[in-house]
C-alpha atoms as a PDB file:
ATOM      1  CA  MET A   1      53.054 156.100 205.400  1.00  0.00           C
ATOM      2  CA  THR A   2      49.704 155.572 204.643  1.00  0.00           C
ATOM      3  CA  VAL A   3      50.304 152.868 202.165  1.00  0.00           C
ATOM      4  CA  ASN A   4      52.433 150.943 204.911  1.00  0.00           C
ATOM      5  CA  LYS A   5      49.981 151.298 207.393  1.00  0.00           C
ATOM      6  CA  SER A   6      47.279 149.627 205.331  1.00  0.00           C
ATOM      7  CA  TRP A   7      49.547 146.887 204.003  1.00  0.00           C
ATOM      8  CA  SER A   8      50.546 146.393 207.785  1.00  0.00           C
ATOM      9  CA  GLN A   9      46.917 146.043 208.672  1.00  0.00           C
ATOM     10  CA  ASN A  10      46.187 143.814 205.847  1.00  0.00           C
ATOM     11  CA  ASN A  11      49.034 141.540 206.732  1.00  0.00           C
ATOM     12  CA  ALA A  12      47.752 141.417 210.444  1.00  0.00           C
ATOM     13  CA  ALA A  13      44.296 140.608 209.388  1.00  0.00           C
ATOM     14  CA  ALA A  14      45.520 137.987 206.819  1.00  0.00           C
ATOM     15  CA  ASP A  15      47.795 136.343 209.631  1.00  0.00           C
ATOM     16  CA  LYS A  16      44.550 136.450 212.144  1.00  0.00           C
ATOM     17  CA  ASP A  17      42.480 134.609 209.644  1.00  0.00           C
ATOM     18  CA  SER A  18      45.343 131.964 208.807  1.00  0.00           C
ATOM     19  CA  ILE A  19      45.315 130.833 212.698  1.00  0.00           C
ATOM     20  CA  LYS A  20      43.510 127.433 212.726  1.00  0.00           C
ATOM     21  CA  TYR A  21      41.063 127.057 216.012  1.00  0.00           C
ATOM     22  CA  ILE A  22      40.318 123.684 217.259  1.00  0.00           C
ATOM     23  CA  GLN A  23      37.569 122.976 219.848  1.00  0.00           C
ATOM     24  CA  MET A  24      38.992 120.554 222.185  1.00  0.00           C
ATOM     25  CA  THR A  25      36.432 118.543 224.403  1.00  0.00           C
ATOM     26  CA  GLY A  26      36.801 115.481 226.753  1.00  0.00           C
ATOM     27  CA  ILE A  27      37.004 114.072 230.048  1.00  0.00           C
ATOM     28  CA  VAL A  28      39.322 112.963 232.463  1.00  0.00           C
ATOM     29  CA  ILE A  29      39.098 109.750 234.199  1.00  0.00           C
ATOM     30  CA  THR A  30      41.543 107.146 236.179  1.00  0.00           C
ATOM     31  CA  ASP A  31      42.608 103.686 235.354  1.00  0.00           C
ATOM     32  CA  SER A  32      39.498 102.365 237.225  1.00  0.00           C
ATOM     33  CA  MET A  33      37.284 104.491 235.025  1.00  0.00           C
ATOM     34  CA  MET A  34      36.505 106.758 237.825  1.00  0.00           C
ATOM     35  CA  ARG A  35      35.874 110.433 236.891  1.00  0.00           C
ATOM     36  CA  VAL A  36      38.513 113.139 238.070  1.00  0.00           C
ATOM     37  CA  PRO A  37      36.874 116.249 239.043  1.00  0.00           C
ATOM     38  CA  PHE A  38      38.643 119.677 238.941  1.00  0.00           C
ATOM     39  CA  THR A  39      41.631 118.638 236.898  1.00  0.00           C
ATOM     40  CA  LYS A  40      43.486 121.577 235.625  1.00  0.00           C
ATOM     41  CA  ILE A  41      44.152 121.799 231.913  1.00  0.00           C
ATOM     42  CA  VAL A  42      46.535 124.394 230.489  1.00  0.00           C
ATOM     43  CA  ASP A  43      47.551 125.038 227.310  1.00  0.00           C
ATOM     44  CA  ILE A  44      51.428 125.526 227.716  1.00  0.00           C
ATOM     45  CA  THR A  45      51.957 127.195 224.296  1.00  0.00           C
ATOM     46  CA  THR A  46      49.414 129.854 224.881  1.00  0.00           C
ATOM     47  CA  ASN A  47      49.274 130.058 228.796  1.00  0.00           C
ATOM     48  CA  ARG A  48      45.521 129.648 228.563  1.00  0.00           C
ATOM     49  CA  GLY A  49      43.520 127.020 230.337  1.00  0.00           C
ATOM     50  CA  VAL A  50      40.117 125.701 232.195  1.00  0.00           C
ATOM     51  CA  ILE A  51      39.206 123.637 234.946  1.00  0.00           C
ATOM     52  CA  ALA A  52      37.327 120.494 234.624  1.00  0.00           C
ATOM     53  CA  ASP A  53      33.847 120.429 236.200  1.00  0.00           C
ATOM     54  CA  TYR A  54      33.072 118.136 238.771  1.00  0.00           C
ATOM     55  CA  TYR A  55      32.040 115.346 236.441  1.00  0.00           C
ATOM     56  CA  GLY A  56      35.445 115.591 234.863  1.00  0.00           C
ATOM     57  CA  TYR A  57      34.179 117.413 231.551  1.00  0.00           C
ATOM     58  CA  TYR A  58      36.380 119.957 230.035  1.00  0.00           C
ATOM     59  CA  ALA A  59      36.242 122.296 226.878  1.00  0.00           C
ATOM     60  CA  LEU A  60      39.295 124.255 225.591  1.00  0.00           C
ATOM     61  CA  VAL A  61      40.311 126.015 222.366  1.00  0.00           C
ATOM     62  CA  VAL A  62      43.499 125.029 221.133  1.00  0.00           C
ATOM     63  CA  HIS A  63      45.650 125.554 217.932  1.00  0.00           C
ATOM     64  CA  PRO A  64      47.712 122.995 215.655  1.00  0.00           C
ATOM     65  CA  GLY A  65      51.247 122.125 217.778  1.00  0.00           C
ATOM     66  CA  ASP A  66      50.112 123.181 221.076  1.00  0.00           C
ATOM     67  CA  THR A  67      51.102 121.245 224.188  1.00  0.00           C
ATOM     68  CA  ILE A  68      48.193 120.657 226.659  1.00  0.00           C
ATOM     69  CA  GLN A  69      49.127 119.646 230.231  1.00  0.00           C
ATOM     70  CA  PHE A  70      46.730 117.971 232.642  1.00  0.00           C
ATOM     71  CA  SER A  71      47.460 117.983 236.297  1.00  0.00           C
ATOM     72  CA  CYS A  72      45.635 117.360 239.724  1.00  0.00           C
ATOM     73  CA  LEU A  73      46.284 116.883 243.100  1.00  0.00           C
ATOM     74  CA  GLY A  74      46.993 113.298 243.839  1.00  0.00           C
ATOM     75  CA  PHE A  75      47.817 112.391 239.950  1.00  0.00           C
ATOM     76  CA  LYS A  76      50.615 112.414 237.853  1.00  0.00           C
ATOM     77  CA  LYS A  77      51.200 115.244 235.332  1.00  0.00           C
ATOM     78  CA  LYS A  78      50.136 114.199 231.745  1.00  0.00           C
ATOM     79  CA  GLN A  79      50.761 116.102 228.454  1.00  0.00           C
ATOM     80  CA  TYR A  80      49.236 116.005 224.982  1.00  0.00           C
ATOM     81  CA  ILE A  81      50.651 117.431 221.815  1.00  0.00           C
ATOM     82  CA  ILE A  82      48.416 118.754 219.180  1.00  0.00           C
ATOM     83  CA  SER A  83      49.191 117.485 215.762  1.00  0.00           C
ATOM     84  CA  ASP A  84      50.256 120.564 213.588  1.00  0.00           C
ATOM     85  CA  THR A  85      49.165 118.808 210.609  1.00  0.00           C
ATOM     86  CA  THR A  86      45.431 118.085 211.860  1.00  0.00           C
ATOM     87  CA  GLU A  87      42.824 118.980 209.599  1.00  0.00           C
ATOM     88  CA  LEU A  88      40.236 118.765 212.503  1.00  0.00           C
ATOM     89  CA  ASN A  89      38.153 121.649 213.693  1.00  0.00           C
ATOM     90  CA  ALA A  90      37.040 119.699 216.857  1.00  0.00           C
ATOM     91  CA  PHE A  91      37.940 116.485 218.436  1.00  0.00           C
ATOM     92  CA  SER A  92      37.410 115.104 221.937  1.00  0.00           C
ATOM     93  CA  LEU A  93      40.017 113.515 224.175  1.00  0.00           C
ATOM     94  CA  VAL A  94      39.677 110.861 227.187  1.00  0.00           C
ATOM     95  CA  GLN A  95      42.550 111.733 229.440  1.00  0.00           C
ATOM     96  CA  VAL A  96      43.467 108.825 231.803  1.00  0.00           C
ATOM     97  CA  MET A  97      45.399 109.929 234.866  1.00  0.00           C
ATOM     98  CA  LYS A  98      47.560 107.845 237.134  1.00  0.00           C
ATOM     99  CA  PHE A  99      47.669 107.970 241.005  1.00  0.00           C
ATOM    100  CA  ASP A 100      50.776 109.591 242.482  1.00  0.00           C
ATOM    101  CA  THR A 101      51.888 108.743 245.790  1.00  0.00           C
ATOM    102  CA  ILE A 102      52.988 112.025 247.710  1.00  0.00           C
ATOM    103  CA  MET A 103      55.491 111.658 250.684  1.00  0.00           C
ATOM    104  CA  SER A 104      55.562 114.105 253.249  1.00  0.00           C
ATOM    105  CA  LYS A 105      57.673 114.337 256.390  1.00  0.00           C
ATOM    106  CA  PRO A 106      55.582 113.432 259.616  1.00  0.00           C
ATOM    107  CA  VAL A 107      53.769 116.234 261.425  1.00  0.00           C
ATOM    108  CA  ASP A 108      53.370 116.175 265.120  1.00  0.00           C
ATOM    109  CA  VAL A 109      50.024 118.079 266.053  1.00  0.00           C
ATOM    110  CA  TYR A 110      50.060 119.490 269.619  1.00  0.00           C
ATOM    111  CA  PRO A 111      47.226 121.682 271.434  1.00  0.00           C
ATOM    112  CA  TRP A 112      49.840 123.883 272.866  1.00  0.00           C
ATOM    113  CA  PRO A 113      51.559 126.398 270.335  1.00  0.00           C
ATOM    114  CA  SER A 114      55.118 125.973 271.901  1.00  0.00           C
ATOM    115  CA  ARG A 115      57.086 123.852 274.336  1.00  0.00           C
ATOM    116  CA  GLU A 116      57.128 126.782 277.071  1.00  0.00           C
ATOM    117  CA  ALA A 117      52.989 126.573 277.061  1.00  0.00           C
ATOM    118  CA  PHE A 118      53.146 123.030 277.388  1.00  0.00           C
ATOM    119  CA  ALA A 119      55.862 123.295 280.290  1.00  0.00           C
ATOM    120  CA  GLU A 120      53.509 125.860 281.705  1.00  0.00           C
ATOM    121  CA  SER A 121      50.185 123.865 281.415  1.00  0.00           C
ATOM    122  CA  PHE A 122      51.784 120.734 282.790  1.00  0.00           C
ATOM    123  CA  VAL A 123      53.101 122.630 285.904  1.00  0.00           C
ATOM    124  CA  ASN A 124      49.990 124.287 286.639  1.00  0.00           C
ATOM    125  CA  MET A 125      48.056 121.215 285.933  1.00  0.00           C
ATOM    126  CA  GLU A 126      45.236 120.273 288.494  1.00  0.00           C
ATOM    127  CA  SER A 127      45.324 116.836 290.118  1.00  0.00           C
ATOM    128  CA  PRO A 128      42.017 114.999 290.103  1.00  0.00           C
ATOM    129  CA  ASN A 129      40.959 115.317 293.803  1.00  0.00           C
ATOM    130  CA  SER A 130      38.820 112.227 293.822  1.00  0.00           C
ATOM    131  CA  ALA A 131      41.298 110.125 292.919  1.00  0.00           C
ATOM    132  CA  LEU A 132      43.734 111.539 295.176  1.00  0.00           C
ATOM    133  CA  LYS A 133      41.196 111.032 297.777  1.00  0.00           C
ATOM    134  CA  ARG A 134      40.497 107.396 297.203  1.00  0.00           C
ATOM    135  CA  ALA A 135      44.188 106.615 297.031  1.00  0.00           C
ATOM    136  CA  ARG A 136      44.653 108.470 300.480  1.00  0.00           C
ATOM    137  CA  LYS A 137      41.770 106.249 302.071  1.00  0.00           C
ATOM    138  CA  ARG A 138      43.193 103.114 300.535  1.00  0.00           C
ATOM    139  CA  LEU A 139      46.713 103.931 302.534  1.00  0.00           C
ATOM    140  CA  THR A 140      45.063 104.304 305.988  1.00  0.00           C
ATOM    141  CA  PRO A 141      46.142 101.876 308.747  1.00  0.00           C
ATOM    142  CA  GLN A 142      42.537 100.600 309.407  1.00  0.00           C
ATOM    143  CA  GLU A 143      42.314 100.111 305.595  1.00  0.00           C
ATOM    144  CA  MET A 144      45.556  98.134 305.035  1.00  0.00           C
ATOM    145  CA  ALA A 145      44.747  96.115 308.142  1.00  0.00           C
ATOM    146  CA  PHE A 146      41.375  95.153 306.745  1.00  0.00           C
ATOM    147  CA  VAL A 147      42.649  94.081 303.255  1.00  0.00           C
ATOM    148  CA  GLY A 148      45.418  92.230 305.025  1.00  0.00           C
ATOM    149  CA  ALA A 149      43.092  90.278 306.948  1.00  0.00           C
ATOM    150  CA  ILE A 150      40.984  89.169 304.253  1.00  0.00           C
ATOM    151  CA  MET A 151      43.996  88.318 302.118  1.00  0.00           C
ATOM    152  CA  ASN A 152      45.224  84.747 302.058  1.00  0.00           C
ATOM    153  CA  SER A 153      48.672  84.268 303.307  1.00  0.00           C
ATOM    154  CA  ASP A 154      51.517  83.138 301.003  1.00  0.00           C
ATOM    155  CA  GLY A 155      54.088  80.401 301.881  1.00  0.00           C
ATOM    156  CA  SER A 156      56.674  82.695 303.643  1.00  0.00           C
ATOM    157  CA  SER A 157      53.985  84.196 305.951  1.00  0.00           C
ATOM    158  CA  SER A 158      52.683  80.516 306.607  1.00  0.00           C
ATOM    159  CA  TYR A 159      55.911  79.228 307.322  1.00  0.00           C
ATOM    160  CA  SER A 160      56.885  82.208 309.721  1.00  0.00           C
ATOM    161  CA  SER A 161      53.600  81.725 311.732  1.00  0.00           C
ATOM    162  CA  SER A 162      54.059  77.847 311.913  1.00  0.00           C
ATOM    163  CA  GLN A 163      57.798  78.642 313.327  1.00  0.00           C
ATOM    164  CA  GLN A 164      56.310  80.979 315.864  1.00  0.00           C
ATOM    165  CA  GLN A 165      53.893  78.479 316.988  1.00  0.00           C
ATOM    166  CA  PHE A 166      56.402  76.032 317.286  1.00  0.00           C
ATOM    167  CA  MET A 167      58.601  78.040 319.329  1.00  0.00           C
ATOM    168  CA  ARG A 168      55.984  78.722 321.898  1.00  0.00           C
ATOM    169  CA  ASP A 169      55.134  75.190 322.000  1.00  0.00           C
ATOM    170  CA  GLN A 170      58.909  74.520 322.898  1.00  0.00           C
ATOM    171  CA  TYR A 171      58.931  77.423 325.318  1.00  0.00           C
ATOM    172  CA  THR A 172      55.747  76.044 327.338  1.00  0.00           C
ATOM    173  CA  ARG A 173      56.615  72.236 327.027  1.00  0.00           C
ATOM    174  CA  GLY A 174      55.756  70.265 329.910  1.00  0.00           C
ATOM    175  CA  GLN A 175      53.525  73.616 331.279  1.00  0.00           C
ATOM    176  CA  GLY A 176      50.357  75.040 331.126  1.00  0.00           C
ATOM    177  CA  PRO A 177      49.749  77.520 328.300  1.00  0.00           C
ATOM    178  CA  GLN A 178      50.864  81.049 328.852  1.00  0.00           C
ATOM    179  CA  ASN A 179      48.258  83.379 329.989  1.00  0.00           C
ATOM    180  CA  ASN A 180      48.708  86.825 328.293  1.00  0.00           C
ATOM    181  CA  LEU A 181      46.320  88.217 331.466  1.00  0.00           C
ATOM    182  CA  LEU A 182      49.086  87.876 333.837  1.00  0.00           C
ATOM    183  CA  ASN A 183      51.724  88.845 331.539  1.00  0.00           C
ATOM    184  CA  PRO A 184      52.980  92.531 332.479  1.00  0.00           C
ATOM    185  CA  ALA A 185      54.851  93.436 328.886  1.00  0.00           C
ATOM    186  CA  ALA A 186      51.202  92.397 327.068  1.00  0.00           C
ATOM    187  CA  TRP A 187      49.280  95.139 329.271  1.00  0.00           C
ATOM    188  CA  SER A 188      51.876  97.754 328.637  1.00  0.00           C
ATOM    189  CA  GLU A 189      51.703  97.052 325.025  1.00  0.00           C
ATOM    190  CA  PHE A 190      47.968  97.027 325.229  1.00  0.00           C
ATOM    191  CA  ILE A 191      47.403 100.336 327.629  1.00  0.00           C
ATOM    192  CA  GLY A 192      50.261 101.876 325.133  1.00  0.00           C
ATOM    193  CA  GLY A 193      48.046 101.400 322.213  1.00  0.00           C
ATOM    194  CA  PHE A 194      45.307 103.243 323.450  1.00  0.00           C
ATOM    195  CA  GLY A 195      47.363 106.426 323.680  1.00  0.00           C
ATOM    196  CA  SER A 196      48.641 105.963 320.041  1.00  0.00           C
ATOM    197  CA  GLY A 197      45.129 105.393 318.489  1.00  0.00           C
ATOM    198  CA  LYS A 198      45.751 101.651 317.857  1.00  0.00           C
ATOM    199  CA  TYR A 199      42.299 100.591 319.397  1.00  0.00           C
ATOM    200  CA  ARG A 200      39.075 101.867 319.079  1.00  0.00           C
ATOM    201  CA  ILE A 201      36.339 102.143 321.945  1.00  0.00           C
ATOM    202  CA  SER A 202      32.691 101.358 320.886  1.00  0.00           C
ATOM    203  CA  ASN A 203      29.921 102.371 322.682  1.00  0.00           C
END
């Protein structure tokens, strides 16, 4: 048993000594010579790897025949196979990465966590009082009458006014013009206007 154990240890040491180690260094860049920082470099064969620094530099110990994979978000993955017949103990590799277009589904971002929360917020939303007050003020009869007085009449209203004047002229043809001070209907309308607030009394 002692002989076998010693032989096994010797073989393991011999196998360990026969493993060739290669120092792999380099830089990761793009087609436009821009450096790609924090690229992930993994030896798929041994499942070991490193992360490139901010300037794209990296250093990794590999073996002949190993497959090295370069990956970075926004770029296509690249692989490099170490030659199993290489005699080099160290070498440098400049890896060029190509941009990769990543398509994702559209995402709608809302300030509410759910539809129910949005509905509740919409129902309980307070209306701007200032805008509401301005709108109500613009819709008062006095304001509407003022706006109507300063606005120019259109063709339809001008035609209607001229037709009314024509009818009055036809009604009083050959007579003196009608005096509303002696018109009972006009006085009735005038007196009724005070009760409805149509007229204002100025002191």
